[in-house]
C-alpha atoms as a PDB file:
ATOM      1  CA  MET A   1      98.130-122.374 -21.324  1.00  0.00           C
ATOM      2  CA  ARG A   2      95.058-121.100 -19.483  1.00  0.00           C
ATOM      3  CA  GLY A   3      92.959-118.979 -21.767  1.00  0.00           C
ATOM      4  CA  ASN A   4      92.275-115.426 -20.657  1.00  0.00           C
ATOM      5  CA  PRO A   5      91.264-112.850 -23.307  1.00  0.00           C
ATOM      6  CA  ASP A   6      92.313-109.937 -21.078  1.00  0.00           C
ATOM      7  CA  TYR A   7      95.934-111.027 -21.264  1.00  0.00           C
ATOM      8  CA  ALA A   8      96.069-112.611 -24.725  1.00  0.00           C
ATOM      9  CA  LEU A   9      99.129-111.752 -26.789  1.00  0.00           C
ATOM     10  CA  ASP A  10      97.631-112.141 -30.250  1.00  0.00           C
ATOM     11  CA  ASP A  11      99.943-109.982 -32.334  1.00  0.00           C
ATOM     12  CA  THR A  12     102.481-112.080 -34.254  1.00  0.00           C
ATOM     13  CA  GLU A  13     105.041-109.284 -34.287  1.00  0.00           C
ATOM     14  CA  ALA A  14     104.769-108.970 -30.503  1.00  0.00           C
ATOM     15  CA  VAL A  15     105.426-112.706 -30.182  1.00  0.00           C
ATOM     16  CA  LYS A  16     108.459-112.337 -32.454  1.00  0.00           C
ATOM     17  CA  ASP A  17     109.746-109.501 -30.271  1.00  0.00           C
ATOM     18  CA  LEU A  18     109.338-111.735 -27.213  1.00  0.00           C
ATOM     19  CA  VAL A  19     111.554-114.340 -28.898  1.00  0.00           C
ATOM     20  CA  ARG A  20     114.123-111.762 -29.985  1.00  0.00           C
ATOM     21  CA  GLU A  21     114.387-110.349 -26.472  1.00  0.00           C
ATOM     22  CA  ASN A  22     114.324-113.739 -24.710  1.00  0.00           C
ATOM     23  CA  PRO A  23     116.107-116.293 -26.921  1.00  0.00           C
ATOM     24  CA  TRP A  24     116.667-118.927 -24.196  1.00  0.00           C
ATOM     25  CA  CYS A  25     114.001-121.502 -25.011  1.00  0.00           C
ATOM     26  CA  THR A  26     112.559-124.669 -23.429  1.00  0.00           C
ATOM     27  CA  PHE A  27     111.712-127.458 -25.868  1.00  0.00           C
ATOM     28  CA  VAL A  28     109.218-130.148 -24.911  1.00  0.00           C
ATOM     29  CA  SER A  29     108.330-133.290 -26.857  1.00  0.00           C
ATOM     30  CA  ALA A  30     105.772-135.976 -26.003  1.00  0.00           C
ATOM     31  CA  VAL A  31     107.575-139.095 -27.230  1.00  0.00           C
ATOM     32  CA  PRO A  32     105.497-142.266 -27.619  1.00  0.00           C
ATOM     33  CA  GLY A  33     106.728-144.903 -25.179  1.00  0.00           C
ATOM     34  CA  SER A  34     108.989-142.433 -23.344  1.00  0.00           C
ATOM     35  CA  GLY A  35     106.708-139.667 -22.105  1.00  0.00           C
ATOM     36  CA  PRO A  36     107.667-135.983 -22.019  1.00  0.00           C
ATOM     37  CA  VAL A  37     111.234-134.906 -22.827  1.00  0.00           C
ATOM     38  CA  ALA A  38     112.507-131.365 -22.203  1.00  0.00           C
ATOM     39  CA  SER A  39     115.669-129.505 -23.208  1.00  0.00           C
ATOM     40  CA  HIS A  40     116.926-125.906 -23.148  1.00  0.00           C
ATOM     41  CA  TYR A  41     118.719-124.095 -25.981  1.00  0.00           C
ATOM     42  CA  PRO A  42     118.992-120.591 -27.466  1.00  0.00           C
ATOM     43  CA  VAL A  43     117.098-119.814 -30.661  1.00  0.00           C
ATOM     44  CA  LEU A  44     116.990-117.311 -33.483  1.00  0.00           C
ATOM     45  CA  LEU A  45     114.074-116.161 -35.586  1.00  0.00           C
ATOM     46  CA  ASP A  46     114.237-116.844 -39.298  1.00  0.00           C
ATOM     47  CA  GLU A  47     113.683-113.201 -40.186  1.00  0.00           C
ATOM     48  CA  ASP A  48     113.156-113.986 -43.884  1.00  0.00           C
ATOM     49  CA  ALA A  49     110.326-116.461 -43.308  1.00  0.00           C
ATOM     50  CA  GLU A  50     106.626-115.754 -43.162  1.00  0.00           C
ATOM     51  CA  GLY A  51     105.036-116.230 -39.769  1.00  0.00           C
ATOM     52  CA  VAL A  52     107.100-117.386 -36.799  1.00  0.00           C
ATOM     53  CA  VAL A  53     109.960-119.751 -37.618  1.00  0.00           C
ATOM     54  CA  LEU A  54     112.595-120.689 -35.038  1.00  0.00           C
ATOM     55  CA  LEU A  55     116.152-121.716 -35.865  1.00  0.00           C
ATOM     56  CA  GLY A  56     118.089-123.719 -33.298  1.00  0.00           C
ATOM     57  CA  HIS A  57     120.136-126.767 -32.504  1.00  0.00           C
ATOM     58  CA  MET A  58     120.433-129.592 -30.008  1.00  0.00           C
ATOM     59  CA  GLY A  59     123.547-131.238 -28.679  1.00  0.00           C
ATOM     60  CA  ARG A  60     123.684-134.933 -29.483  1.00  0.00           C
ATOM     61  CA  PRO A  61     122.019-137.178 -28.364  1.00  0.00           C
ATOM     62  CA  ASP A  62     119.165-134.858 -27.330  1.00  0.00           C
ATOM     63  CA  GLU A  63     117.672-135.134 -30.808  1.00  0.00           C
ATOM     64  CA  VAL A  64     117.212-138.871 -30.277  1.00  0.00           C
ATOM     65  CA  GLY A  65     115.347-138.369 -27.006  1.00  0.00           C
ATOM     66  CA  HIS A  66     113.049-135.840 -28.647  1.00  0.00           C
ATOM     67  CA  GLY A  67     112.507-137.893 -31.784  1.00  0.00           C
ATOM     68  CA  LEU A  68     113.430-134.657 -33.533  1.00  0.00           C
ATOM     69  CA  GLY A  69     111.524-134.138 -36.760  1.00  0.00           C
ATOM     70  CA  ARG A  70     109.039-136.968 -36.235  1.00  0.00           C
ATOM     71  CA  HIS A  71     106.282-135.154 -34.342  1.00  0.00           C
ATOM     72  CA  THR A  72     105.144-131.830 -32.918  1.00  0.00           C
ATOM     73  CA  MET A  73     107.515-130.099 -30.524  1.00  0.00           C
ATOM     74  CA  LEU A  74     106.576-127.315 -28.094  1.00  0.00           C
ATOM     75  CA  ALA A  75     108.916-124.347 -27.689  1.00  0.00           C
ATOM     76  CA  ILE A  76     108.343-122.220 -24.580  1.00  0.00           C
ATOM     77  CA  VAL A  77     109.639-118.649 -24.540  1.00  0.00           C
ATOM     78  CA  GLN A  78     109.420-116.658 -21.332  1.00  0.00           C
ATOM     79  CA  GLY A  79     109.894-112.945 -20.805  1.00  0.00           C
ATOM     80  CA  PRO A  80     110.173-110.915 -17.584  1.00  0.00           C
ATOM     81  CA  HIS A  81     108.090-112.237 -14.709  1.00  0.00           C
ATOM     82  CA  GLY A  82     107.753-111.762 -10.982  1.00  0.00           C
ATOM     83  CA  TYR A  83     105.712-111.621  -7.798  1.00  0.00           C
ATOM     84  CA  ILE A  84     103.214-108.793  -7.300  1.00  0.00           C
ATOM     85  CA  SER A  85     102.203-108.041  -3.701  1.00  0.00           C
ATOM     86  CA  PRO A  86      98.665-106.823  -2.934  1.00  0.00           C
ATOM     87  CA  SER A  87     100.241-104.375  -0.494  1.00  0.00           C
ATOM     88  CA  TRP A  88     101.332-102.380  -3.563  1.00  0.00           C
ATOM     89  CA  TYR A  89      97.789-101.794  -4.849  1.00  0.00           C
ATOM     90  CA  GLY A  90      96.925 -99.017  -2.438  1.00  0.00           C
ATOM     91  CA  SER A  91      93.489-100.499  -1.753  1.00  0.00           C
ATOM     92  CA  ARG A  92      91.868-103.529  -0.116  1.00  0.00           C
ATOM     93  CA  PRO A  93      90.827-106.276  -0.530  1.00  0.00           C
ATOM     94  CA  GLY A  94      93.507-107.723  -2.755  1.00  0.00           C
ATOM     95  CA  VAL A  95      95.376-110.947  -3.416  1.00  0.00           C
ATOM     96  CA  PRO A  96      98.926-111.584  -4.617  1.00  0.00           C
ATOM     97  CA  THR A  97      99.614-112.552  -8.199  1.00  0.00           C
ATOM     98  CA  TRP A  98     102.457-113.228 -10.611  1.00  0.00           C
ATOM     99  CA  ASN A  99     102.953-111.093 -13.715  1.00  0.00           C
ATOM    100  CA  PHE A 100     104.587-112.653 -16.770  1.00  0.00           C
ATOM    101  CA  ALA A 101     104.953-112.792 -20.533  1.00  0.00           C
ATOM    102  CA  ALA A 102     105.178-116.211 -22.183  1.00  0.00           C
ATOM    103  CA  ALA A 103     104.544-117.900 -25.513  1.00  0.00           C
ATOM    104  CA  HIS A 104     103.931-121.563 -26.337  1.00  0.00           C
ATOM    105  CA  LEU A 105     104.992-122.239 -29.920  1.00  0.00           C
ATOM    106  CA  TYR A 106     104.067-125.545 -31.582  1.00  0.00           C
ATOM    107  CA  GLY A 107     105.343-127.108 -34.789  1.00  0.00           C
ATOM    108  CA  VAL A 108     107.088-130.059 -36.383  1.00  0.00           C
ATOM    109  CA  PRO A 109     110.833-129.339 -36.630  1.00  0.00           C
ATOM    110  CA  GLU A 110     112.769-129.831 -39.854  1.00  0.00           C
ATOM    111  CA  VAL A 111     116.232-131.323 -39.293  1.00  0.00           C
ATOM    112  CA  LEU A 112     119.070-129.404 -40.985  1.00  0.00           C
ATOM    113  CA  GLY A 113     122.130-130.777 -42.704  1.00  0.00           C
ATOM    114  CA  ASP A 114     125.589-130.016 -41.300  1.00  0.00           C
ATOM    115  CA  GLU A 115     126.304-127.076 -43.612  1.00  0.00           C
ATOM    116  CA  GLU A 116     123.004-125.347 -42.919  1.00  0.00           C
ATOM    117  CA  ASN A 117     123.373-126.111 -39.221  1.00  0.00           C
ATOM    118  CA  LEU A 118     126.791-124.457 -39.291  1.00  0.00           C
ATOM    119  CA  ARG A 119     125.313-121.346 -40.907  1.00  0.00           C
ATOM    120  CA  VAL A 120     122.681-121.169 -38.152  1.00  0.00           C
ATOM    121  CA  LEU A 121     125.344-121.595 -35.458  1.00  0.00           C
ATOM    122  CA  ASP A 122     127.391-118.863 -37.145  1.00  0.00           C
ATOM    123  CA  ARG A 123     124.410-116.510 -36.962  1.00  0.00           C
ATOM    124  CA  LEU A 124     123.713-117.490 -33.357  1.00  0.00           C
ATOM    125  CA  VAL A 125     127.268-116.706 -32.270  1.00  0.00           C
ATOM    126  CA  HIS A 126     127.169-113.416 -34.164  1.00  0.00           C
ATOM    127  CA  ARG A 127     123.880-112.518 -32.420  1.00  0.00           C
ATOM    128  CA  PHE A 128     125.520-112.616 -28.989  1.00  0.00           C
ATOM    129  CA  GLU A 129     129.145-111.708 -29.775  1.00  0.00           C
ATOM    130  CA  ARG A 130     128.532-108.644 -31.937  1.00  0.00           C
ATOM    131  CA  VAL A 131     127.956-106.352 -28.940  1.00  0.00           C
ATOM    132  CA  LEU A 132     131.289-107.222 -27.310  1.00  0.00           C
ATOM    133  CA  PRO A 133     134.444-105.122 -27.805  1.00  0.00           C
ATOM    134  CA  ASP A 134     136.394-108.193 -28.977  1.00  0.00           C
ATOM    135  CA  PRO A 135     133.793-110.469 -30.615  1.00  0.00           C
ATOM    136  CA  HIS A 136     134.842-114.108 -31.068  1.00  0.00           C
ATOM    137  CA  LEU A 137     132.947-114.974 -34.219  1.00  0.00           C
ATOM    138  CA  LEU A 138     132.736-118.534 -35.453  1.00  0.00           C
ATOM    139  CA  HIS A 139     134.759-117.785 -38.602  1.00  0.00           C
ATOM    140  CA  ALA A 140     136.840-114.897 -37.277  1.00  0.00           C
ATOM    141  CA  THR A 141     140.034-116.832 -38.072  1.00  0.00           C
ATOM    142  CA  ALA A 142     140.922-119.888 -40.120  1.00  0.00           C
ATOM    143  CA  GLU A 143     141.630-121.738 -36.872  1.00  0.00           C
ATOM    144  CA  ASN A 144     138.201-120.849 -35.474  1.00  0.00           C
ATOM    145  CA  GLY A 145     136.517-121.900 -38.722  1.00  0.00           C
ATOM    146  CA  ALA A 146     138.279-125.261 -38.764  1.00  0.00           C
ATOM    147  CA  TYR A 147     137.302-125.866 -35.146  1.00  0.00           C
ATOM    148  CA  ALA A 148     133.675-124.998 -35.894  1.00  0.00           C
ATOM    149  CA  HIS A 149     133.600-127.518 -38.744  1.00  0.00           C
ATOM    150  CA  ARG A 150     134.927-130.208 -36.412  1.00  0.00           C
ATOM    151  CA  ILE A 151     132.403-129.634 -33.629  1.00  0.00           C
ATOM    152  CA  VAL A 152     129.299-129.080 -35.767  1.00  0.00           C
ATOM    153  CA  THR A 153     128.770-132.834 -36.017  1.00  0.00           C
ATOM    154  CA  GLY A 154     128.158-132.887 -32.263  1.00  0.00           C
ATOM    155  CA  THR A 155     124.984-130.854 -32.772  1.00  0.00           C
ATOM    156  CA  VAL A 156     121.803-131.263 -34.791  1.00  0.00           C
ATOM    157  CA  GLY A 157     120.283-128.122 -36.252  1.00  0.00           C
ATOM    158  CA  PHE A 158     116.588-127.612 -36.893  1.00  0.00           C
ATOM    159  CA  ARG A 159     114.060-125.175 -38.291  1.00  0.00           C
ATOM    160  CA  LEU A 160     110.753-125.026 -36.449  1.00  0.00           C
ATOM    161  CA  PRO A 161     107.897-123.508 -38.480  1.00  0.00           C
ATOM    162  CA  VAL A 162     105.312-122.565 -35.864  1.00  0.00           C
ATOM    163  CA  ASP A 163     101.776-123.604 -36.777  1.00  0.00           C
ATOM    164  CA  ARG A 164     100.097-122.835 -33.434  1.00  0.00           C
ATOM    165  CA  ILE A 165     100.730-120.038 -30.918  1.00  0.00           C
ATOM    166  CA  GLU A 166      99.412-119.616 -27.396  1.00  0.00           C
ATOM    167  CA  ALA A 167     100.779-116.450 -25.815  1.00  0.00           C
ATOM    168  CA  LYS A 168      99.937-114.302 -22.800  1.00  0.00           C
ATOM    169  CA  GLU A 169     101.173-111.051 -21.357  1.00  0.00           C
ATOM    170  CA  LYS A 170      99.787-110.593 -17.840  1.00  0.00           C
ATOM    171  CA  MET A 171     100.947-107.154 -16.752  1.00  0.00           C
ATOM    172  CA  SER A 172      98.182-105.911 -14.418  1.00  0.00           C
ATOM    173  CA  GLN A 173      96.074-104.675 -17.346  1.00  0.00           C
ATOM    174  CA  ASP A 174      92.998-105.181 -15.147  1.00  0.00           C
ATOM    175  CA  LYS A 175      94.208-102.486 -12.720  1.00  0.00           C
ATOM    176  CA  SER A 176      93.826 -98.729 -12.937  1.00  0.00           C
ATOM    177  CA  ALA A 177      96.666 -96.655 -14.401  1.00  0.00           C
ATOM    178  CA  GLU A 178      97.323 -95.279 -10.908  1.00  0.00           C
ATOM    179  CA  THR A 179      97.627 -98.786  -9.421  1.00  0.00           C
ATOM    180  CA  VAL A 180      99.864 -99.983 -12.263  1.00  0.00           C
ATOM    181  CA  ALA A 181     102.158 -96.988 -11.750  1.00  0.00           C
ATOM    182  CA  ARG A 182     102.318 -97.780  -8.031  1.00  0.00           C
ATOM    183  CA  ILE A 183     103.255-101.418  -8.739  1.00  0.00           C
ATOM    184  CA  ILE A 184     105.937-100.321 -11.185  1.00  0.00           C
ATOM    185  CA  GLY A 185     107.306 -97.978  -8.546  1.00  0.00           C
ATOM    186  CA  HIS A 186     107.721-100.843  -6.076  1.00  0.00           C
ATOM    187  CA  LEU A 187     109.378-103.023  -8.727  1.00  0.00           C
ATOM    188  CA  VAL A 188     112.111-100.463  -9.385  1.00  0.00           C
ATOM    189  CA  GLU A 189     112.776 -99.668  -5.740  1.00  0.00           C
ATOM    190  CA  PRO A 190     115.392-101.629  -3.730  1.00  0.00           C
ATOM    191  CA  GLY A 191     113.795-104.588  -1.991  1.00  0.00           C
ATOM    192  CA  PRO A 192     113.265-108.358  -2.093  1.00  0.00           C
ATOM    193  CA  TYR A 193     111.114-108.183  -5.256  1.00  0.00           C
ATOM    194  CA  ARG A 194     112.980-105.520  -7.190  1.00  0.00           C
ATOM    195  CA  ASN A 195     112.498-106.323 -10.877  1.00  0.00           C
ATOM    196  CA  PRO A 196     113.254-103.455 -13.280  1.00  0.00           C
ATOM    197  CA  GLU A 197     112.839-105.683 -16.354  1.00  0.00           C
ATOM    198  CA  LEU A 198     109.293-106.540 -15.314  1.00  0.00           C
ATOM    199  CA  ALA A 199     108.632-102.874 -14.521  1.00  0.00           C
ATOM    200  CA  GLU A 200     109.705-101.890 -18.023  1.00  0.00           C
ATOM    201  CA  ARG A 201     107.514-104.577 -19.586  1.00  0.00           C
ATOM    202  CA  MET A 202     104.525-103.453 -17.502  1.00  0.00           C
ATOM    203  CA  ALA A 203     105.001 -99.857 -18.624  1.00  0.00           C
ATOM    204  CA  ARG A 204     105.089-100.931 -22.269  1.00  0.00           C
ATOM    205  CA  ALA A 205     102.079-103.225 -21.955  1.00  0.00           C
ATOM    206  CA  ASN A 206      99.887-100.634 -20.226  1.00  0.00           C
ATOM    207  CA  GLY A 207     100.610 -97.780 -22.583  1.00  0.00           C
ATOM    208  CA  PRO A 208     101.329 -94.055 -22.249  1.00  0.00           C
ATOM    209  CA  ALA A 209      98.748 -93.549 -19.493  1.00  0.00           C
ATOM    210  CA  VAL A 210     101.205 -95.166 -17.084  1.00  0.00           C
ATOM    211  CA  THR A 211     104.251 -93.182 -16.031  1.00  0.00           C
ATOM    212  CA  HIS A 212     107.434 -95.221 -15.563  1.00  0.00           C
ATOM    213  CA  PRO A 213     109.382 -93.939 -12.508  1.00  0.00           C
END
């Protein structure tokens, strides 16, 4: 990731929040003799661990392609992002840009056994089902539990202790509060680049000096 101190996201807790809010993750491995391999899966944070530790799984045979557990794997987490038009700045000259929040998380994954993998899957399902009026939890019934035990062998769970983080949050921090507020206003208005999630992230990143419409 291109280094830029103005947009560095150095706070570990902020990186954790990015993962919590955006759990759909891209995993990339550089496998000797095969080149890069990429896959996409949801993740959880191990909230009891020190630092940043991801919990996830892969559907077989993805773990073979990645050589899971044998070398460093990159996990890419991406938050709200979108196009920013220079016509929104209210001044000239200006050039277009793309605002985004992203983290590159590196570490060597630890492969989990079936029982621990099942516990992680149980937590993952609970994470997304709990907000529904009729949550279908993995062990909600004996039938569901038996089914979960049958299918768990089709996945490989892992824990990824992160030993290197590269993270950026580019949210027009180099602009004046007035310009940032104007950009946010365009992002929440109807139009081809309407992006309320990005607007909310920009407001948070730029602090109380910026008024969110």
